[in-house]
Amino acid sequence: MVYTDRQWLTFFDLIGRSDLAGDPHFQTIRDRTEHIDELYQLLESVLTTRSTEQWLDQFDKADIPAVAVKSLAELVDDPQIVASELFETVDHPTEGCLRQPGLAWKFSRTPSAPGRSSGPAGRAHG
């Protein structure tokens, strides 16, 4: 995510378009916001020219904050997601073993437990 004017100048250099630094559509945050559609078209055409890893490396070196956008399949096995225990595995009475989002809160002295399956209109099955 390119935020500051300095980052934008660096980004324009990275993509080989230093000329855009002088473009009145992109000089300030206000200019970029007013021409956001044009800016997004530029980003779409440029960001597909390198791999995610290549861009992340370049952005890291340029001090531009960036992360990879992951698919759901990649997300559930992401080391940070696994470490934060965002997903949990539960035994469902009819569907078997399921991987589902866990509870968003964690208590050190009172462990949370997965809720019961709910049926129509949110009623719990008993």
C-alpha atoms as a PDB file:
ATOM      1  CA  MET A   1       0.000   0.000   0.000  1.00  0.00           C
ATOM      2  CA  VAL A   2       1.669   3.110  -1.208  1.00  0.00           C
ATOM      3  CA  TYR A   3       0.786   5.922   1.231  1.00  0.00           C
ATOM      4  CA  THR A   4       3.107   8.899   1.219  1.00  0.00           C
ATOM      5  CA  ASP A   5       4.248  11.138  -1.599  1.00  0.00           C
ATOM      6  CA  ARG A   6       7.786   9.817  -1.075  1.00  0.00           C
ATOM      7  CA  GLN A   7       6.541   6.234  -1.446  1.00  0.00           C
ATOM      8  CA  TRP A   8       4.701   7.143  -4.630  1.00  0.00           C
ATOM      9  CA  LEU A   9       7.850   8.698  -6.114  1.00  0.00           C
ATOM     10  CA  THR A  10       9.743   5.530  -5.203  1.00  0.00           C
ATOM     11  CA  PHE A  11       6.982   3.358  -6.661  1.00  0.00           C
ATOM     12  CA  PHE A  12       7.004   5.300  -9.946  1.00  0.00           C
ATOM     13  CA  ASP A  13      10.783   4.709 -10.108  1.00  0.00           C
ATOM     14  CA  LEU A  14      10.325   0.977  -9.379  1.00  0.00           C
ATOM     15  CA  ILE A  15       7.927   0.568 -12.287  1.00  0.00           C
ATOM     16  CA  GLY A  16      10.143   2.548 -14.649  1.00  0.00           C
ATOM     17  CA  ARG A  17       7.720   5.470 -14.818  1.00  0.00           C
ATOM     18  CA  SER A  18       9.552   8.309 -13.054  1.00  0.00           C
ATOM     19  CA  ASP A  19       7.802  10.629 -15.509  1.00  0.00           C
ATOM     20  CA  LEU A  20       4.590  10.140 -13.518  1.00  0.00           C
ATOM     21  CA  ALA A  21       6.090  12.105 -10.618  1.00  0.00           C
ATOM     22  CA  GLY A  22       5.480  15.250 -12.680  1.00  0.00           C
ATOM     23  CA  ASP A  23       2.018  14.220 -13.865  1.00  0.00           C
ATOM     24  CA  PRO A  24      -0.556  16.600 -12.338  1.00  0.00           C
ATOM     25  CA  HIS A  25      -2.906  13.623 -11.853  1.00  0.00           C
ATOM     26  CA  PHE A  26      -0.508  11.937  -9.432  1.00  0.00           C
ATOM     27  CA  GLN A  27       1.540  14.627  -7.661  1.00  0.00           C
ATOM     28  CA  THR A  28      -0.394  14.845  -4.380  1.00  0.00           C
ATOM     29  CA  ILE A  29      -2.766  12.663  -2.381  1.00  0.00           C
ATOM     30  CA  ARG A  30      -5.604  14.907  -3.525  1.00  0.00           C
ATOM     31  CA  ASP A  31      -4.605  14.523  -7.185  1.00  0.00           C
ATOM     32  CA  ARG A  32      -4.293  10.756  -6.843  1.00  0.00           C
ATOM     33  CA  THR A  33      -7.653  10.517  -5.080  1.00  0.00           C
ATOM     34  CA  GLU A  34      -9.382  12.581  -7.771  1.00  0.00           C
ATOM     35  CA  HIS A  35      -7.880  10.284 -10.434  1.00  0.00           C
ATOM     36  CA  ILE A  36      -8.162   7.023  -8.524  1.00  0.00           C
ATOM     37  CA  ASP A  37      -9.653   5.060 -11.432  1.00  0.00           C
ATOM     38  CA  GLU A  38      -6.737   6.023 -13.654  1.00  0.00           C
ATOM     39  CA  LEU A  39      -4.312   5.146 -10.858  1.00  0.00           C
ATOM     40  CA  TYR A  40      -5.921   1.738 -10.313  1.00  0.00           C
ATOM     41  CA  GLN A  41      -5.715   0.994 -14.046  1.00  0.00           C
ATOM     42  CA  LEU A  42      -2.014   1.806 -13.916  1.00  0.00           C
ATOM     43  CA  LEU A  43      -1.534  -0.444 -10.877  1.00  0.00           C
ATOM     44  CA  GLU A  44      -3.429  -3.298 -12.518  1.00  0.00           C
ATOM     45  CA  SER A  45      -1.330  -3.145 -15.657  1.00  0.00           C
ATOM     46  CA  VAL A  46       1.971  -2.909 -13.785  1.00  0.00           C
ATOM     47  CA  LEU A  47       1.527  -5.316 -10.872  1.00  0.00           C
ATOM     48  CA  THR A  48       0.873  -8.266 -13.169  1.00  0.00           C
ATOM     49  CA  THR A  49       4.325  -7.904 -14.743  1.00  0.00           C
ATOM     50  CA  ARG A  50       6.204  -9.498 -11.819  1.00  0.00           C
ATOM     51  CA  SER A  51       5.548 -12.252  -9.327  1.00  0.00           C
ATOM     52  CA  THR A  52       4.192 -11.501  -5.868  1.00  0.00           C
ATOM     53  CA  GLU A  53       7.538 -12.489  -4.355  1.00  0.00           C
ATOM     54  CA  GLN A  54       9.414 -10.129  -6.664  1.00  0.00           C
ATOM     55  CA  TRP A  55       7.123  -7.222  -5.782  1.00  0.00           C
ATOM     56  CA  LEU A  56       7.291  -7.967  -2.052  1.00  0.00           C
ATOM     57  CA  ASP A  57      11.083  -7.968  -2.232  1.00  0.00           C
ATOM     58  CA  GLN A  58      11.132  -4.671  -4.139  1.00  0.00           C
ATOM     59  CA  PHE A  59       8.585  -3.034  -1.823  1.00  0.00           C
ATOM     60  CA  ASP A  60      10.478  -4.197   1.259  1.00  0.00           C
ATOM     61  CA  LYS A  61      13.708  -2.676  -0.055  1.00  0.00           C
ATOM     62  CA  ALA A  62      11.838   0.552  -0.901  1.00  0.00           C
ATOM     63  CA  ASP A  63      10.126   0.735   2.521  1.00  0.00           C
ATOM     64  CA  ILE A  64       6.658   0.463   0.966  1.00  0.00           C
ATOM     65  CA  PRO A  65       4.274  -1.605   3.128  1.00  0.00           C
ATOM     66  CA  ALA A  66       2.982  -4.675   1.294  1.00  0.00           C
ATOM     67  CA  VAL A  67       1.668  -8.179   1.941  1.00  0.00           C
ATOM     68  CA  ALA A  68       0.550 -10.961  -0.327  1.00  0.00           C
ATOM     69  CA  VAL A  69      -3.179 -11.485  -0.782  1.00  0.00           C
ATOM     70  CA  LYS A  70      -3.859 -15.148  -0.165  1.00  0.00           C
ATOM     71  CA  SER A  71      -6.601 -17.491  -1.266  1.00  0.00           C
ATOM     72  CA  LEU A  72      -8.716 -19.171   1.398  1.00  0.00           C
ATOM     73  CA  ALA A  73      -6.826 -22.423   0.829  1.00  0.00           C
ATOM     74  CA  GLU A  74      -3.508 -20.644   1.420  1.00  0.00           C
ATOM     75  CA  LEU A  75      -4.877 -18.664   4.351  1.00  0.00           C
ATOM     76  CA  VAL A  76      -5.849 -21.586   6.566  1.00  0.00           C
ATOM     77  CA  ASP A  77      -2.265 -22.927   6.464  1.00  0.00           C
ATOM     78  CA  ASP A  78      -0.546 -19.552   6.846  1.00  0.00           C
ATOM     79  CA  PRO A  79       1.954 -19.714   9.749  1.00  0.00           C
ATOM     80  CA  GLN A  80       0.579 -16.548  11.392  1.00  0.00           C
ATOM     81  CA  ILE A  81      -3.023 -17.795  11.155  1.00  0.00           C
ATOM     82  CA  VAL A  82      -2.010 -21.186  12.552  1.00  0.00           C
ATOM     83  CA  ALA A  83      -0.047 -19.553  15.398  1.00  0.00           C
ATOM     84  CA  SER A  84      -3.012 -17.345  16.325  1.00  0.00           C
ATOM     85  CA  GLU A  85      -5.325 -20.385  16.248  1.00  0.00           C
ATOM     86  CA  LEU A  86      -7.847 -18.552  14.091  1.00  0.00           C
ATOM     87  CA  PHE A  87      -9.174 -21.844  12.714  1.00  0.00           C
ATOM     88  CA  GLU A  88     -10.074 -24.892  14.762  1.00  0.00           C
ATOM     89  CA  THR A  89     -10.882 -28.503  13.975  1.00  0.00           C
ATOM     90  CA  VAL A  90     -14.125 -29.864  15.410  1.00  0.00           C
ATOM     91  CA  ASP A  91     -15.981 -33.155  15.170  1.00  0.00           C
ATOM     92  CA  HIS A  92     -19.437 -32.492  13.760  1.00  0.00           C
ATOM     93  CA  PRO A  93     -22.075 -35.097  14.703  1.00  0.00           C
ATOM     94  CA  THR A  94     -23.158 -35.704  11.092  1.00  0.00           C
ATOM     95  CA  GLU A  95     -20.459 -34.133   8.883  1.00  0.00           C
ATOM     96  CA  GLY A  96     -17.370 -35.515  10.606  1.00  0.00           C
ATOM     97  CA  CYS A  97     -14.185 -33.542  11.096  1.00  0.00           C
ATOM     98  CA  LEU A  98     -14.542 -29.880  10.062  1.00  0.00           C
ATOM     99  CA  ARG A  99     -12.117 -26.982  10.013  1.00  0.00           C
ATOM    100  CA  GLN A 100     -13.887 -23.767  10.930  1.00  0.00           C
ATOM    101  CA  PRO A 101     -13.143 -20.280  12.224  1.00  0.00           C
ATOM    102  CA  GLY A 102     -12.536 -20.382  15.953  1.00  0.00           C
ATOM    103  CA  LEU A 103     -13.755 -17.926  18.506  1.00  0.00           C
ATOM    104  CA  ALA A 104     -12.218 -14.486  18.140  1.00  0.00           C
ATOM    105  CA  TRP A 105     -11.512 -14.185  21.861  1.00  0.00           C
ATOM    106  CA  LYS A 106      -9.186 -16.215  23.998  1.00  0.00           C
ATOM    107  CA  PHE A 107      -9.001 -16.247  27.809  1.00  0.00           C
ATOM    108  CA  SER A 108      -5.950 -17.491  29.672  1.00  0.00           C
ATOM    109  CA  ARG A 109      -7.885 -19.026  32.592  1.00  0.00           C
ATOM    110  CA  THR A 110     -11.150 -19.924  30.869  1.00  0.00           C
ATOM    111  CA  PRO A 111     -10.584 -21.810  27.627  1.00  0.00           C
ATOM    112  CA  SER A 112     -13.276 -21.285  25.034  1.00  0.00           C
ATOM    113  CA  ALA A 113     -14.969 -24.222  23.370  1.00  0.00           C
ATOM    114  CA  PRO A 114     -16.618 -24.475  19.976  1.00  0.00           C
ATOM    115  CA  GLY A 115     -20.355 -23.845  19.967  1.00  0.00           C
ATOM    116  CA  ARG A 116     -22.967 -26.413  19.189  1.00  0.00           C
ATOM    117  CA  SER A 117     -24.258 -26.854  15.654  1.00  0.00           C
ATOM    118  CA  SER A 118     -27.299 -24.766  14.997  1.00  0.00           C
ATOM    119  CA  GLY A 119     -30.186 -25.797  12.844  1.00  0.00           C
ATOM    120  CA  PRO A 120     -32.962 -23.781  11.229  1.00  0.00           C
ATOM    121  CA  ALA A 121     -33.470 -20.300  12.669  1.00  0.00           C
ATOM    122  CA  GLY A 122     -30.295 -20.652  14.725  1.00  0.00           C
ATOM    123  CA  ARG A 123     -31.723 -23.155  17.225  1.00  0.00           C
ATOM    124  CA  ALA A 124     -29.183 -25.490  18.729  1.00  0.00           C
ATOM    125  CA  HIS A 125     -29.583 -29.173  18.051  1.00  0.00           C
ATOM    126  CA  GLY A 126     -29.724 -31.265  21.192  1.00  0.00           C
END
